[in-house]
Amino acid sequence: MKIAHECLASVKEDIKPLIEKHWEMVALNQGKIKLNPNWEEYARLDAAGILRVFTARAEGHLVGYCVLVVSRSIHYQDHIFANNDVTFVLPEYREGATGYYLLKFAEDYCQENDISLMNINTKVHIPFDNLLLGMGFDLIERIYSKCFKD
């Protein structure tokens, strides 16, 4: 297993089929909100140095990713926060430590680059809370949503 920090351009085509699988597995409003990534915005964030893409590859094939948006906090301007956009590991690679190594790599990157806080959001119906708690993350917030699309 190879864990790495990659730029969006080098991983974009590999990530597309995984994003589709990820969406199929976790999205709750699939009949109302269709997957349609804004690749131009991702590219803009990447070019601005705001996007971080961490990957897990087995024999060269992408099997997982953790994408963070890294920016100065608007609430705490003296600090840089890394907020999770998406994290996914193919189900067949979840039994081992792939998810742990992927998140640990991202965590180490954050610590080495003077990032004050790393936030990871999870889906309630497909949690990986035990992994995060075991890594020393704290449960600090709940998010509620209501879909307005028919």
N, C-alpha and C. Protein backbone atom coordinates (compact mmCIF):
# COMPACT_ATOMS: atom_id res chain seq x y z
N MET A 1 0.85 -1.18 0.00
CA MET A 1 0.00 0.00 0.00
C MET A 1 0.89 1.24 0.00
N LYS A 2 0.59 2.15 -0.89
CA LYS A 2 1.33 3.41 -0.94
C LYS A 2 0.37 4.55 -0.60
N ILE A 3 0.72 5.31 0.40
CA ILE A 3 -0.04 6.48 0.81
C ILE A 3 0.76 7.70 0.37
N ALA A 4 0.08 8.68 -0.26
CA ALA A 4 0.81 9.84 -0.79
C ALA A 4 -0.06 11.09 -0.76
N HIS A 5 0.62 12.22 -0.91
CA HIS A 5 -0.03 13.52 -1.13
C HIS A 5 0.14 13.78 -2.62
N GLU A 6 -0.96 13.93 -3.35
CA GLU A 6 -0.90 14.14 -4.79
C GLU A 6 -1.64 15.41 -5.16
N CYS A 7 -1.30 15.97 -6.30
CA CYS A 7 -2.07 17.12 -6.80
C CYS A 7 -3.30 16.59 -7.52
N LEU A 8 -4.29 17.42 -7.61
CA LEU A 8 -5.55 17.03 -8.23
C LEU A 8 -5.36 16.53 -9.66
N ALA A 9 -4.54 17.22 -10.44
CA ALA A 9 -4.35 16.84 -11.84
C ALA A 9 -3.84 15.41 -11.98
N SER A 10 -2.99 14.97 -11.06
CA SER A 10 -2.43 13.63 -11.17
C SER A 10 -3.39 12.54 -10.73
N VAL A 11 -4.44 12.89 -10.00
CA VAL A 11 -5.35 11.88 -9.46
C VAL A 11 -6.77 11.99 -10.00
N LYS A 12 -7.08 13.06 -10.70
CA LYS A 12 -8.46 13.34 -11.11
C LYS A 12 -9.13 12.18 -11.85
N GLU A 13 -8.50 11.64 -12.86
CA GLU A 13 -9.12 10.56 -13.63
C GLU A 13 -9.26 9.28 -12.81
N ASP A 14 -8.30 9.03 -11.91
CA ASP A 14 -8.37 7.84 -11.06
C ASP A 14 -9.47 7.97 -10.00
N ILE A 15 -9.71 9.18 -9.58
CA ILE A 15 -10.65 9.40 -8.48
C ILE A 15 -12.11 9.37 -8.95
N LYS A 16 -12.36 9.66 -10.21
CA LYS A 16 -13.73 9.75 -10.71
C LYS A 16 -14.56 8.48 -10.45
N PRO A 17 -14.08 7.27 -10.79
CA PRO A 17 -14.91 6.09 -10.52
C PRO A 17 -15.10 5.81 -9.03
N LEU A 18 -14.12 6.17 -8.21
CA LEU A 18 -14.27 5.98 -6.77
C LEU A 18 -15.28 6.95 -6.19
N ILE A 19 -15.30 8.18 -6.70
CA ILE A 19 -16.29 9.15 -6.22
C ILE A 19 -17.70 8.65 -6.53
N GLU A 20 -17.88 8.04 -7.68
CA GLU A 20 -19.18 7.48 -8.05
C GLU A 20 -19.58 6.37 -7.07
N LYS A 21 -18.66 5.45 -6.78
CA LYS A 21 -18.94 4.38 -5.81
C LYS A 21 -19.22 4.95 -4.43
N HIS A 22 -18.43 5.94 -4.03
CA HIS A 22 -18.60 6.61 -2.74
C HIS A 22 -20.01 7.20 -2.65
N TRP A 23 -20.41 7.93 -3.66
CA TRP A 23 -21.73 8.56 -3.69
C TRP A 23 -22.83 7.50 -3.60
N GLU A 24 -22.70 6.43 -4.37
CA GLU A 24 -23.71 5.36 -4.36
C GLU A 24 -23.85 4.74 -2.98
N MET A 25 -22.75 4.66 -2.24
CA MET A 25 -22.77 4.02 -0.93
C MET A 25 -23.27 4.93 0.18
N VAL A 26 -23.03 6.23 0.10
CA VAL A 26 -23.30 7.08 1.26
C VAL A 26 -24.35 8.16 1.06
N ALA A 27 -24.60 8.61 -0.15
CA ALA A 27 -25.52 9.73 -0.36
C ALA A 27 -26.95 9.34 -0.01
N LEU A 28 -27.59 10.16 0.79
CA LEU A 28 -28.95 9.86 1.25
C LEU A 28 -30.04 10.41 0.33
N ASN A 29 -29.74 11.42 -0.45
CA ASN A 29 -30.75 12.07 -1.29
C ASN A 29 -30.47 11.84 -2.77
N GLN A 30 -30.11 10.61 -3.12
CA GLN A 30 -29.69 10.32 -4.49
C GLN A 30 -30.77 10.60 -5.53
N GLY A 31 -32.03 10.43 -5.17
CA GLY A 31 -33.11 10.71 -6.11
C GLY A 31 -33.35 12.19 -6.32
N LYS A 32 -32.79 13.01 -5.43
CA LYS A 32 -33.04 14.44 -5.48
C LYS A 32 -31.80 15.26 -5.81
N ILE A 33 -30.64 14.78 -5.37
CA ILE A 33 -29.39 15.52 -5.58
C ILE A 33 -28.40 14.57 -6.26
N LYS A 34 -28.13 14.84 -7.51
CA LYS A 34 -27.24 13.98 -8.30
C LYS A 34 -25.78 14.39 -8.11
N LEU A 35 -24.91 13.42 -8.16
CA LEU A 35 -23.47 13.68 -8.09
C LEU A 35 -23.04 14.48 -9.32
N ASN A 36 -22.36 15.58 -9.10
CA ASN A 36 -21.90 16.42 -10.20
C ASN A 36 -20.76 17.30 -9.69
N PRO A 37 -19.57 16.71 -9.50
CA PRO A 37 -18.45 17.49 -8.94
C PRO A 37 -18.11 18.71 -9.80
N ASN A 38 -17.78 19.79 -9.13
CA ASN A 38 -17.37 21.02 -9.80
C ASN A 38 -15.85 20.96 -9.96
N TRP A 39 -15.40 20.31 -11.03
CA TRP A 39 -13.96 20.09 -11.24
C TRP A 39 -13.22 21.40 -11.43
N GLU A 40 -13.88 22.42 -11.99
CA GLU A 40 -13.22 23.71 -12.15
C GLU A 40 -12.91 24.33 -10.79
N GLU A 41 -13.84 24.21 -9.85
CA GLU A 41 -13.62 24.76 -8.51
C GLU A 41 -12.55 23.96 -7.77
N TYR A 42 -12.58 22.65 -7.91
CA TYR A 42 -11.52 21.83 -7.32
C TYR A 42 -10.16 22.26 -7.87
N ALA A 43 -10.08 22.47 -9.19
CA ALA A 43 -8.82 22.89 -9.81
C ALA A 43 -8.40 24.27 -9.30
N ARG A 44 -9.36 25.17 -9.14
CA ARG A 44 -9.05 26.50 -8.62
C ARG A 44 -8.51 26.41 -7.19
N LEU A 45 -9.14 25.60 -6.35
CA LEU A 45 -8.67 25.42 -4.98
C LEU A 45 -7.28 24.79 -4.95
N ASP A 46 -7.06 23.85 -5.85
CA ASP A 46 -5.75 23.20 -5.93
C ASP A 46 -4.68 24.21 -6.35
N ALA A 47 -4.99 25.01 -7.38
CA ALA A 47 -4.04 26.01 -7.86
C ALA A 47 -3.76 27.08 -6.81
N ALA A 48 -4.74 27.35 -5.96
CA ALA A 48 -4.59 28.36 -4.91
C ALA A 48 -3.87 27.80 -3.68
N GLY A 49 -3.55 26.51 -3.71
CA GLY A 49 -2.86 25.90 -2.57
C GLY A 49 -3.77 25.60 -1.40
N ILE A 50 -5.06 25.50 -1.65
CA ILE A 50 -6.05 25.27 -0.59
C ILE A 50 -6.45 23.80 -0.50
N LEU A 51 -6.40 23.08 -1.61
CA LEU A 51 -6.84 21.69 -1.66
C LEU A 51 -5.67 20.75 -1.37
N ARG A 52 -5.93 19.74 -0.55
CA ARG A 52 -4.94 18.68 -0.31
C ARG A 52 -5.60 17.35 -0.62
N VAL A 53 -4.99 16.58 -1.50
CA VAL A 53 -5.52 15.28 -1.87
C VAL A 53 -4.52 14.22 -1.41
N PHE A 54 -4.97 13.37 -0.49
CA PHE A 54 -4.15 12.27 0.01
C PHE A 54 -4.74 10.99 -0.54
N THR A 55 -3.88 10.11 -1.01
CA THR A 55 -4.35 8.91 -1.70
C THR A 55 -3.77 7.64 -1.10
N ALA A 56 -4.52 6.57 -1.28
CA ALA A 56 -4.06 5.22 -0.95
C ALA A 56 -4.12 4.42 -2.24
N ARG A 57 -2.99 3.81 -2.60
CA ARG A 57 -2.92 3.03 -3.83
C ARG A 57 -2.39 1.64 -3.53
N ALA A 58 -3.01 0.65 -4.14
CA ALA A 58 -2.55 -0.73 -4.05
C ALA A 58 -2.15 -1.16 -5.45
N GLU A 59 -0.90 -1.54 -5.62
CA GLU A 59 -0.37 -1.93 -6.93
C GLU A 59 -0.67 -0.86 -7.98
N GLY A 60 -0.56 0.39 -7.59
CA GLY A 60 -0.76 1.52 -8.50
C GLY A 60 -2.20 1.95 -8.67
N HIS A 61 -3.15 1.16 -8.20
CA HIS A 61 -4.57 1.49 -8.36
C HIS A 61 -5.09 2.25 -7.15
N LEU A 62 -5.83 3.32 -7.40
CA LEU A 62 -6.40 4.12 -6.33
C LEU A 62 -7.46 3.31 -5.59
N VAL A 63 -7.31 3.19 -4.26
CA VAL A 63 -8.27 2.45 -3.44
C VAL A 63 -8.87 3.32 -2.35
N GLY A 64 -8.36 4.54 -2.20
CA GLY A 64 -8.90 5.43 -1.18
C GLY A 64 -8.37 6.84 -1.33
N TYR A 65 -9.09 7.78 -0.73
CA TYR A 65 -8.67 9.17 -0.76
C TYR A 65 -9.20 9.91 0.46
N CYS A 66 -8.49 10.96 0.79
CA CYS A 66 -8.91 11.90 1.82
C CYS A 66 -8.60 13.28 1.25
N VAL A 67 -9.63 14.08 1.04
CA VAL A 67 -9.47 15.41 0.45
C VAL A 67 -9.79 16.45 1.52
N LEU A 68 -8.84 17.34 1.76
CA LEU A 68 -8.99 18.39 2.76
C LEU A 68 -8.96 19.76 2.10
N VAL A 69 -9.74 20.67 2.64
CA VAL A 69 -9.69 22.08 2.25
C VAL A 69 -8.99 22.80 3.39
N VAL A 70 -7.83 23.36 3.09
CA VAL A 70 -6.97 23.96 4.11
C VAL A 70 -6.96 25.47 3.94
N SER A 71 -7.40 26.17 4.99
CA SER A 71 -7.44 27.63 4.90
C SER A 71 -7.43 28.25 6.29
N ARG A 72 -7.10 29.52 6.32
CA ARG A 72 -7.12 30.28 7.56
C ARG A 72 -8.57 30.35 8.04
N SER A 73 -8.77 30.09 9.30
CA SER A 73 -10.11 30.11 9.88
C SER A 73 -10.67 31.53 9.89
N ILE A 74 -11.93 31.67 9.52
CA ILE A 74 -12.54 33.00 9.58
C ILE A 74 -12.99 33.34 11.01
N HIS A 75 -13.09 32.33 11.87
CA HIS A 75 -13.44 32.57 13.27
C HIS A 75 -12.20 32.79 14.13
N TYR A 76 -11.11 32.15 13.75
CA TYR A 76 -9.87 32.18 14.52
C TYR A 76 -8.72 32.50 13.56
N GLN A 77 -8.57 33.76 13.20
CA GLN A 77 -7.68 34.15 12.10
C GLN A 77 -6.21 33.82 12.34
N ASP A 78 -5.85 33.49 13.57
CA ASP A 78 -4.46 33.12 13.84
C ASP A 78 -4.19 31.64 13.57
N HIS A 79 -5.21 30.93 13.06
CA HIS A 79 -5.08 29.48 12.90
C HIS A 79 -5.52 29.03 11.51
N ILE A 80 -4.87 27.98 11.06
CA ILE A 80 -5.22 27.34 9.80
C ILE A 80 -5.93 26.03 10.14
N PHE A 81 -7.08 25.82 9.50
CA PHE A 81 -7.87 24.61 9.71
C PHE A 81 -7.86 23.77 8.44
N ALA A 82 -7.89 22.47 8.61
CA ALA A 82 -8.03 21.52 7.51
C ALA A 82 -9.40 20.87 7.67
N ASN A 83 -10.30 21.17 6.75
CA ASN A 83 -11.66 20.63 6.81
C ASN A 83 -11.85 19.57 5.73
N ASN A 84 -12.34 18.43 6.15
CA ASN A 84 -12.55 17.30 5.24
C ASN A 84 -13.61 17.61 4.20
N ASP A 85 -13.28 17.38 2.94
CA ASP A 85 -14.28 17.43 1.87
C ASP A 85 -14.86 16.04 1.70
N VAL A 86 -14.00 15.08 1.43
CA VAL A 86 -14.43 13.68 1.29
C VAL A 86 -13.32 12.75 1.77
N THR A 87 -13.73 11.64 2.34
CA THR A 87 -12.80 10.56 2.69
C THR A 87 -13.49 9.25 2.32
N PHE A 88 -12.76 8.38 1.64
CA PHE A 88 -13.35 7.12 1.19
C PHE A 88 -12.25 6.09 1.00
N VAL A 89 -12.56 4.87 1.40
CA VAL A 89 -11.71 3.71 1.13
C VAL A 89 -12.63 2.62 0.59
N LEU A 90 -12.24 2.00 -0.52
CA LEU A 90 -13.04 0.92 -1.08
C LEU A 90 -13.31 -0.14 0.00
N PRO A 91 -14.52 -0.69 0.04
CA PRO A 91 -14.88 -1.65 1.09
C PRO A 91 -13.90 -2.81 1.24
N GLU A 92 -13.38 -3.30 0.14
CA GLU A 92 -12.46 -4.45 0.22
C GLU A 92 -11.11 -4.11 0.85
N TYR A 93 -10.85 -2.82 1.08
CA TYR A 93 -9.60 -2.40 1.72
C TYR A 93 -9.83 -1.85 3.14
N ARG A 94 -11.04 -1.99 3.65
CA ARG A 94 -11.35 -1.46 4.97
C ARG A 94 -10.97 -2.40 6.11
N GLU A 95 -10.87 -3.67 5.85
CA GLU A 95 -10.56 -4.63 6.91
C GLU A 95 -9.15 -4.44 7.45
N GLY A 96 -8.23 -4.04 6.61
CA GLY A 96 -6.86 -3.79 7.06
C GLY A 96 -6.75 -2.40 7.66
N ALA A 97 -5.60 -1.85 7.59
CA ALA A 97 -5.35 -0.54 8.21
C ALA A 97 -5.27 0.58 7.18
N THR A 98 -5.80 0.38 5.99
CA THR A 98 -5.71 1.38 4.93
C THR A 98 -6.28 2.73 5.38
N GLY A 99 -7.47 2.72 5.95
CA GLY A 99 -8.08 3.97 6.41
C GLY A 99 -7.24 4.65 7.47
N TYR A 100 -6.71 3.86 8.39
CA TYR A 100 -5.85 4.42 9.44
C TYR A 100 -4.62 5.08 8.82
N TYR A 101 -3.92 4.37 7.95
CA TYR A 101 -2.69 4.91 7.35
C TYR A 101 -2.98 6.15 6.50
N LEU A 102 -4.10 6.16 5.81
CA LEU A 102 -4.47 7.31 4.99
C LEU A 102 -4.72 8.53 5.88
N LEU A 103 -5.53 8.36 6.92
CA LEU A 103 -5.81 9.48 7.82
C LEU A 103 -4.58 9.89 8.62
N LYS A 104 -3.76 8.93 9.01
CA LYS A 104 -2.54 9.25 9.75
C LYS A 104 -1.59 10.07 8.89
N PHE A 105 -1.48 9.72 7.61
CA PHE A 105 -0.64 10.47 6.68
C PHE A 105 -1.13 11.92 6.57
N ALA A 106 -2.45 12.09 6.43
CA ALA A 106 -3.04 13.43 6.36
C ALA A 106 -2.82 14.18 7.66
N GLU A 107 -2.99 13.49 8.78
CA GLU A 107 -2.78 14.10 10.09
C GLU A 107 -1.33 14.55 10.25
N ASP A 108 -0.39 13.70 9.89
CA ASP A 108 1.03 14.06 9.98
C ASP A 108 1.34 15.27 9.11
N TYR A 109 0.77 15.30 7.90
CA TYR A 109 0.95 16.44 7.02
C TYR A 109 0.48 17.72 7.71
N CYS A 110 -0.70 17.65 8.31
CA CYS A 110 -1.25 18.83 8.99
C CYS A 110 -0.34 19.29 10.13
N GLN A 111 0.14 18.36 10.92
CA GLN A 111 1.02 18.72 12.03
C GLN A 111 2.33 19.32 11.54
N GLU A 112 2.88 18.77 10.47
CA GLU A 112 4.15 19.25 9.93
C GLU A 112 4.02 20.60 9.23
N ASN A 113 2.80 21.00 8.88
CA ASN A 113 2.58 22.23 8.12
C ASN A 113 1.83 23.29 8.91
N ASP A 114 1.96 23.24 10.22
CA ASP A 114 1.44 24.27 11.12
C ASP A 114 -0.07 24.48 11.00
N ILE A 115 -0.79 23.39 10.71
CA ILE A 115 -2.25 23.44 10.68
C ILE A 115 -2.72 23.16 12.10
N SER A 116 -3.58 24.02 12.63
CA SER A 116 -4.01 23.94 14.02
C SER A 116 -5.06 22.88 14.28
N LEU A 117 -5.93 22.63 13.32
CA LEU A 117 -7.09 21.76 13.55
C LEU A 117 -7.44 21.02 12.28
N MET A 118 -7.69 19.73 12.42
CA MET A 118 -8.14 18.89 11.31
C MET A 118 -9.53 18.37 11.66
N ASN A 119 -10.51 18.67 10.82
CA ASN A 119 -11.88 18.22 11.03
C ASN A 119 -12.25 17.15 10.01
N ILE A 120 -12.79 16.05 10.50
CA ILE A 120 -13.26 14.97 9.63
C ILE A 120 -14.74 14.78 9.90
N ASN A 121 -15.56 14.85 8.86
CA ASN A 121 -16.98 14.57 9.01
C ASN A 121 -17.27 13.15 8.55
N THR A 122 -18.22 12.51 9.22
CA THR A 122 -18.60 11.14 8.87
C THR A 122 -20.12 11.08 8.68
N LYS A 123 -20.56 10.07 7.98
CA LYS A 123 -21.99 9.83 7.82
C LYS A 123 -22.48 9.01 9.01
N VAL A 124 -23.61 9.37 9.56
CA VAL A 124 -24.16 8.66 10.72
C VAL A 124 -24.47 7.21 10.36
N HIS A 125 -24.95 6.97 9.13
CA HIS A 125 -25.35 5.62 8.74
C HIS A 125 -24.16 4.76 8.28
N ILE A 126 -22.99 5.35 8.09
CA ILE A 126 -21.77 4.59 7.76
C ILE A 126 -20.62 5.21 8.54
N PRO A 127 -20.64 5.03 9.86
CA PRO A 127 -19.65 5.70 10.69
C PRO A 127 -18.28 5.00 10.68
N PHE A 128 -17.26 5.78 10.95
CA PHE A 128 -15.97 5.20 11.30
C PHE A 128 -15.44 5.91 12.53
N ASP A 129 -16.38 6.13 13.45
CA ASP A 129 -16.08 6.83 14.70
C ASP A 129 -15.00 6.12 15.51
N ASN A 130 -15.07 4.79 15.59
CA ASN A 130 -14.09 4.06 16.40
C ASN A 130 -12.67 4.32 15.92
N LEU A 131 -12.48 4.38 14.60
CA LEU A 131 -11.16 4.68 14.05
C LEU A 131 -10.73 6.08 14.47
N LEU A 132 -11.61 7.06 14.30
CA LEU A 132 -11.27 8.44 14.63
C LEU A 132 -11.01 8.61 16.12
N LEU A 133 -11.87 8.04 16.94
CA LEU A 133 -11.67 8.13 18.39
C LEU A 133 -10.36 7.45 18.80
N GLY A 134 -10.07 6.31 18.19
CA GLY A 134 -8.82 5.61 18.47
C GLY A 134 -7.59 6.39 18.06
N MET A 135 -7.75 7.28 17.07
CA MET A 135 -6.64 8.12 16.61
C MET A 135 -6.54 9.41 17.41
N GLY A 136 -7.44 9.60 18.38
CA GLY A 136 -7.37 10.78 19.23
C GLY A 136 -8.24 11.94 18.79
N PHE A 137 -9.10 11.74 17.80
CA PHE A 137 -10.03 12.78 17.39
C PHE A 137 -11.14 12.87 18.44
N ASP A 138 -11.72 14.04 18.59
CA ASP A 138 -12.83 14.25 19.51
C ASP A 138 -14.11 14.50 18.72
N LEU A 139 -15.22 13.94 19.19
CA LEU A 139 -16.52 14.25 18.62
C LEU A 139 -16.93 15.61 19.18
N ILE A 140 -17.04 16.61 18.30
CA ILE A 140 -17.27 17.98 18.79
C ILE A 140 -18.53 18.64 18.26
N GLU A 141 -19.15 18.08 17.24
CA GLU A 141 -20.26 18.78 16.62
C GLU A 141 -21.17 17.79 15.91
N ARG A 142 -22.43 18.14 15.79
CA ARG A 142 -23.38 17.37 15.00
C ARG A 142 -23.91 18.27 13.89
N ILE A 143 -24.19 17.69 12.75
CA ILE A 143 -24.73 18.45 11.63
C ILE A 143 -26.09 17.86 11.27
N TYR A 144 -27.08 18.70 11.16
CA TYR A 144 -28.41 18.29 10.73
C TYR A 144 -28.65 18.84 9.34
N SER A 145 -29.38 18.10 8.53
CA SER A 145 -29.69 18.60 7.20
C SER A 145 -31.14 18.34 6.87
N LYS A 146 -31.66 19.14 5.95
CA LYS A 146 -33.02 18.97 5.44
C LYS A 146 -32.96 19.24 3.94
N CYS A 147 -33.40 18.29 3.15
CA CYS A 147 -33.37 18.44 1.70
C CYS A 147 -34.64 19.14 1.22
N PHE A 148 -34.50 20.17 0.39
CA PHE A 148 -35.62 20.94 -0.10
C PHE A 148 -35.95 20.63 -1.57
N LYS A 149 -35.24 19.69 -2.17
CA LYS A 149 -35.48 19.33 -3.58
C LYS A 149 -36.48 18.19 -3.65
N ASP A 150 -37.33 18.24 -4.67
CA ASP A 150 -38.32 17.16 -4.86
C ASP A 150 -37.84 16.18 -5.90
